[in-house]
Amino acid sequence: MTPPFLTHDTLAVPHGFFTREGGVSTGPFAALNCSLSGRDDTDCVAENRRRATDALGLPATALLGLTQVHGVAVADANTPWKLEDRPRADAMVTNRPGRMLGIVTADCAPVLFADAEAGVIGAAHAGWRGAVAGMLEATLDAMRGLGARRILAVVGPCIGQASYEVGPDLRDAVLVRNTADARHFAPGQRADRWQFDLPGYCVSRLIAAGAEATALDQDTLSLDQRYFSFRRATLAGGGPIGHQLSAIALPG
């Protein structure tokens, strides 16, 4: 079965924002869980990742992943690594054909980058902490170091503003950097709470840093049959969850 995935016309290389559908995992990981660090059966995860890479026309061995840590480190994927040696980073870039870069998320923003003319791609995991700290700008800088000039970026499925209630700690961290970013907050349903527009914030940071950026309108929390969501699971009492894959490749 070919798992369903979303694409965007601006990224003129093979890529896909995968949903949770079309895999072989069961229970809370049903069905296309692609996380290497959860409690899912490793054979199921391997099959899910194989299905995703097949859908994009590359072998499973082409897919590189990270140990994501909500930081700003960017890995150079020109030299591949083994699964067990994944870098502790939240983005990676390459200009080597035959590479596929994969990010796993379950509410945080997956961001795929490409300069197809220069032959440079990138992929980033942007939770609010990483986005505020400069994760997206660090990815753009690393791509420019490989020769990228006109970088197109797409923010994939992540928690939407209507679903993302936040407290003063998050809002303060955002506004300390730039008070103009108050535009990404709407009043919450409770006192001292706001609704944060994570995809809109990521797009504005990318555009300010010189990229051409857009976001898909896909709220991972509300679309429960389509996406895994950490906050949805937390609101339901917790427990293990899966993560969807977003991947981009340079054919070669």
Protein backbone atom coordinates (compact mmCIF):
# COMPACT_ATOMS: atom_id res chain seq x y z
CA MET A 1 0.00 0.00 0.00
CA THR A 2 1.29 3.46 -0.90
CA PRO A 3 0.76 5.74 2.12
CA PRO A 4 -0.94 9.08 1.43
CA PHE A 5 1.12 12.23 1.63
CA LEU A 6 0.86 15.94 0.87
CA THR A 7 3.12 17.91 -1.45
CA HIS A 8 3.53 21.55 -2.44
CA ASP A 9 4.19 22.76 -5.96
CA THR A 10 6.96 25.14 -4.92
CA LEU A 11 9.29 22.29 -3.90
CA ALA A 12 10.47 21.03 -7.27
CA VAL A 13 12.12 17.88 -5.90
CA PRO A 14 10.63 14.63 -4.53
CA HIS A 15 9.07 15.28 -1.14
CA GLY A 16 6.12 14.36 1.01
CA PHE A 17 4.40 15.30 4.25
CA PHE A 18 3.05 11.91 5.27
CA THR A 19 -0.05 11.30 7.37
CA ARG A 20 -0.54 8.52 9.93
CA GLU A 21 -2.34 6.42 7.32
CA GLY A 22 -1.04 3.55 5.21
CA GLY A 23 1.29 1.76 7.62
CA VAL A 24 1.43 -1.52 9.51
CA SER A 25 1.74 -0.39 13.15
CA THR A 26 -1.12 -0.98 15.57
CA GLY A 27 -2.57 0.43 18.77
CA PRO A 28 -1.50 3.99 19.62
CA PHE A 29 1.06 3.77 16.78
CA ALA A 30 -1.50 3.02 14.08
CA ALA A 31 -0.59 3.06 11.38
CA LEU A 32 2.34 4.82 9.65
CA ASN A 33 4.47 5.52 12.71
CA CYS A 34 7.96 6.44 11.50
CA SER A 35 9.67 7.31 14.79
CA LEU A 36 12.84 5.39 15.64
CA SER A 37 12.80 6.35 19.31
CA GLY A 38 9.38 5.20 20.53
CA ARG A 39 8.08 1.90 21.88
CA ASP A 40 6.66 0.64 18.61
CA ASP A 41 7.78 -2.68 17.10
CA THR A 42 11.04 -2.01 15.22
CA ASP A 43 10.04 -4.20 12.29
CA CYS A 44 6.81 -2.25 11.89
CA VAL A 45 8.68 1.05 11.93
CA ALA A 46 11.15 -0.23 9.34
CA GLU A 47 8.29 -1.30 7.07
CA ASN A 48 6.53 2.04 7.52
CA ARG A 49 9.67 3.93 6.60
CA ARG A 50 10.23 1.66 3.61
CA ARG A 51 6.71 2.40 2.37
CA ALA A 52 7.31 6.12 2.70
CA THR A 53 10.62 6.08 0.84
CA ASP A 54 9.16 3.85 -1.86
CA ALA A 55 6.37 6.39 -2.35
CA LEU A 56 9.00 9.05 -3.09
CA GLY A 57 10.97 6.79 -5.42
CA LEU A 58 14.06 6.12 -3.31
CA PRO A 59 15.22 3.07 -1.34
CA ALA A 60 14.89 2.97 2.44
CA THR A 61 18.69 3.18 2.71
CA ALA A 62 18.56 6.72 1.29
CA LEU A 63 16.57 8.04 4.29
CA LEU A 64 18.53 9.88 6.97
CA GLY A 65 17.03 10.86 10.32
CA LEU A 66 18.07 12.66 13.49
CA THR A 67 17.82 12.41 17.24
CA GLN A 68 15.71 15.56 17.58
CA VAL A 69 16.37 17.63 20.69
CA HIS A 70 14.55 20.98 20.24
CA GLY A 71 17.81 22.81 19.59
CA VAL A 72 19.40 24.72 16.72
CA ALA A 73 22.10 22.33 15.51
CA VAL A 74 22.13 21.53 11.78
CA ALA A 75 23.72 18.29 10.56
CA ASP A 76 25.68 18.02 7.31
CA ALA A 77 24.03 15.10 5.52
CA ASN A 78 26.61 14.94 2.73
CA THR A 79 28.28 12.20 4.74
CA PRO A 80 25.58 9.66 5.68
CA TRP A 81 25.38 8.00 9.09
CA LYS A 82 24.01 4.75 10.50
CA LEU A 83 20.66 4.73 12.27
CA GLU A 84 22.34 4.13 15.62
CA ASP A 85 24.69 7.07 15.04
CA ARG A 86 22.07 9.69 14.29
CA PRO A 87 23.28 13.23 15.12
CA ARG A 88 21.62 15.10 17.98
CA ALA A 89 20.25 17.92 15.86
CA ASP A 90 16.99 19.34 14.57
CA ALA A 91 17.84 19.99 10.94
CA MET A 92 20.00 18.64 8.16
CA VAL A 93 21.07 19.80 4.72
CA THR A 94 22.70 18.26 1.67
CA ASN A 95 23.64 18.86 -1.95
CA ARG A 96 24.39 15.20 -2.68
CA PRO A 97 22.03 13.40 -5.09
CA GLY A 98 20.47 10.24 -3.75
CA ARG A 99 19.97 11.56 -0.21
CA MET A 100 16.58 11.73 1.52
CA LEU A 101 16.15 13.85 4.66
CA GLY A 102 13.40 12.89 7.10
CA ILE A 103 11.89 14.68 10.10
CA VAL A 104 9.35 13.12 12.48
CA THR A 105 6.74 15.22 14.28
CA ALA A 106 3.53 14.97 16.28
CA ASP A 107 2.50 18.66 16.64
CA CYS A 108 5.82 20.46 16.09
CA ALA A 109 6.34 21.94 12.64
CA PRO A 110 8.18 19.94 9.98
CA VAL A 111 9.78 22.30 7.47
CA LEU A 112 11.10 21.16 4.09
CA PHE A 113 13.47 23.39 2.09
CA ALA A 114 14.73 23.31 -1.49
CA ASP A 115 16.74 25.27 -3.99
CA ALA A 116 16.18 22.91 -6.90
CA GLU A 117 18.29 24.97 -9.30
CA ALA A 118 21.32 24.89 -6.99
CA GLY A 119 20.64 21.28 -5.99
CA VAL A 120 20.42 21.90 -2.24
CA ILE A 121 17.73 20.61 0.14
CA GLY A 122 17.06 20.78 3.86
CA ALA A 123 14.64 19.51 6.49
CA ALA A 124 13.99 20.91 9.96
CA HIS A 125 12.02 20.11 13.10
CA ALA A 126 10.66 23.34 14.56
CA GLY A 127 8.93 23.25 17.89
CA TRP A 128 8.34 26.64 19.45
CA ARG A 129 11.61 26.54 21.40
CA GLY A 130 13.69 25.77 18.34
CA ALA A 131 11.86 28.30 16.20
CA VAL A 132 12.38 31.07 18.76
CA ALA A 133 16.04 30.12 19.20
CA GLY A 134 16.79 30.36 15.46
CA MET A 135 16.43 26.83 14.13
CA LEU A 136 14.99 27.97 10.81
CA GLU A 137 17.59 30.65 10.18
CA ALA A 138 20.37 28.17 11.01
CA THR A 139 19.01 25.80 8.37
CA LEU A 140 18.92 28.55 5.75
CA ASP A 141 22.50 29.54 6.61
CA ALA A 142 23.67 25.93 6.25
CA MET A 143 21.97 25.61 2.87
CA ARG A 144 23.58 28.83 1.66
CA GLY A 145 26.90 27.40 2.73
CA LEU A 146 26.28 24.60 0.22
CA GLY A 147 25.49 27.03 -2.60
CA ALA A 148 21.75 27.67 -2.21
CA ARG A 149 20.56 31.08 -3.39
CA ARG A 150 16.77 31.04 -3.81
CA ILE A 151 15.39 28.86 -1.03
CA LEU A 152 11.76 27.79 -0.97
CA ALA A 153 10.35 26.47 2.32
CA VAL A 154 7.08 24.77 3.24
CA VAL A 155 5.85 24.37 6.81
CA GLY A 156 4.00 21.06 6.99
CA PRO A 157 1.24 19.69 9.22
CA CYS A 158 1.55 20.91 12.81
CA ILE A 159 -0.64 22.08 15.64
CA GLY A 160 -2.86 24.96 14.49
CA GLN A 161 -3.60 28.19 16.29
CA ALA A 162 -7.13 27.21 17.28
CA SER A 163 -5.75 24.11 19.02
CA TYR A 164 -2.59 25.55 20.56
CA GLU A 165 -3.36 27.17 23.90
CA VAL A 166 -0.20 28.48 25.55
CA GLY A 167 0.76 30.20 28.77
CA PRO A 168 2.77 33.31 29.59
CA ASP A 169 6.11 31.46 29.56
CA LEU A 170 5.88 30.73 25.83
CA ARG A 171 4.43 34.14 24.98
CA ASP A 172 7.10 35.93 26.98
CA ALA A 173 9.88 33.95 25.29
CA VAL A 174 8.56 34.92 21.86
CA LEU A 175 8.03 38.58 22.69
CA VAL A 176 11.40 39.03 24.40
CA ARG A 177 12.98 38.47 21.01
CA ASN A 178 10.58 40.71 19.05
CA THR A 179 7.48 42.43 20.40
CA ALA A 180 6.06 42.61 16.87
CA ASP A 181 5.48 38.86 17.07
CA ALA A 182 2.49 39.56 19.30
CA ARG A 183 0.55 39.30 16.04
CA HIS A 184 0.94 35.53 16.22
CA PHE A 185 -1.12 35.33 19.43
CA ALA A 186 -4.89 35.46 19.78
CA PRO A 187 -6.84 35.66 23.06
CA GLY A 188 -7.27 32.30 24.77
CA GLN A 189 -10.38 30.80 26.30
CA ARG A 190 -8.99 31.26 29.81
CA ALA A 191 -7.37 34.13 31.67
CA ASP A 192 -3.61 34.41 31.12
CA ARG A 193 -3.76 32.07 28.11
CA TRP A 194 -3.30 32.69 24.38
CA GLN A 195 -3.67 30.78 21.11
CA PHE A 196 -0.31 30.64 19.34
CA ASP A 197 0.04 30.46 15.55
CA LEU A 198 3.10 28.20 15.24
CA PRO A 199 2.97 27.76 11.44
CA GLY A 200 2.44 31.48 10.90
CA TYR A 201 5.33 32.29 13.22
CA CYS A 202 7.61 29.91 11.33
CA VAL A 203 6.63 31.41 7.98
CA SER A 204 7.29 34.95 9.20
CA ARG A 205 10.72 33.98 10.53
CA LEU A 206 11.61 32.28 7.25
CA ILE A 207 10.50 35.23 5.13
CA ALA A 208 12.40 37.67 7.34
CA ALA A 209 15.50 35.53 6.82
CA GLY A 210 15.21 35.71 3.03
CA ALA A 211 13.33 32.52 2.12
CA GLU A 212 10.11 32.19 0.16
CA ALA A 213 7.82 30.39 2.57
CA THR A 214 4.29 29.08 2.98
CA ALA A 215 2.44 26.74 5.31
CA LEU A 216 0.00 23.91 4.73
CA ASP A 217 -3.35 24.32 6.49
CA GLN A 218 -3.26 21.04 8.43
CA ASP A 219 -3.90 21.04 12.19
CA THR A 220 -2.45 17.85 13.66
CA LEU A 221 -4.53 18.01 16.84
CA SER A 222 -7.97 18.43 15.30
CA LEU A 223 -7.44 16.01 12.39
CA ASP A 224 -7.27 12.96 14.63
CA GLN A 225 -7.80 10.35 11.92
CA ARG A 226 -5.04 11.82 9.78
CA TYR A 227 -2.24 12.81 12.17
CA PHE A 228 -0.55 11.86 15.41
CA SER A 229 -0.68 14.62 18.04
CA PHE A 230 1.27 14.80 21.28
CA ARG A 231 -1.09 17.36 22.80
CA ARG A 232 -4.16 15.33 21.86
CA ALA A 233 -2.65 12.32 23.60
CA THR A 234 -1.73 14.42 26.64
CA LEU A 235 -5.25 15.83 26.93
CA ALA A 236 -6.56 12.26 26.78
CA GLY A 237 -4.37 11.14 29.68
CA GLY A 238 -1.02 10.46 28.05
CA GLY A 239 0.58 7.26 26.85
CA PRO A 240 2.72 6.34 23.84
CA ILE A 241 2.06 7.86 20.43
CA GLY A 242 3.47 7.65 16.94
CA HIS A 243 5.04 10.33 14.78
CA GLN A 244 4.47 11.15 11.12
CA LEU A 245 7.30 11.57 8.67
CA SER A 246 8.07 14.53 6.42
CA ALA A 247 10.83 13.89 3.89
CA ILE A 248 12.58 15.54 0.95
CA ALA A 249 15.07 14.08 -1.51
CA LEU A 250 17.53 14.92 -4.24
CA PRO A 251 17.12 12.37 -7.01
CA GLY A 252 20.34 10.99 -8.37
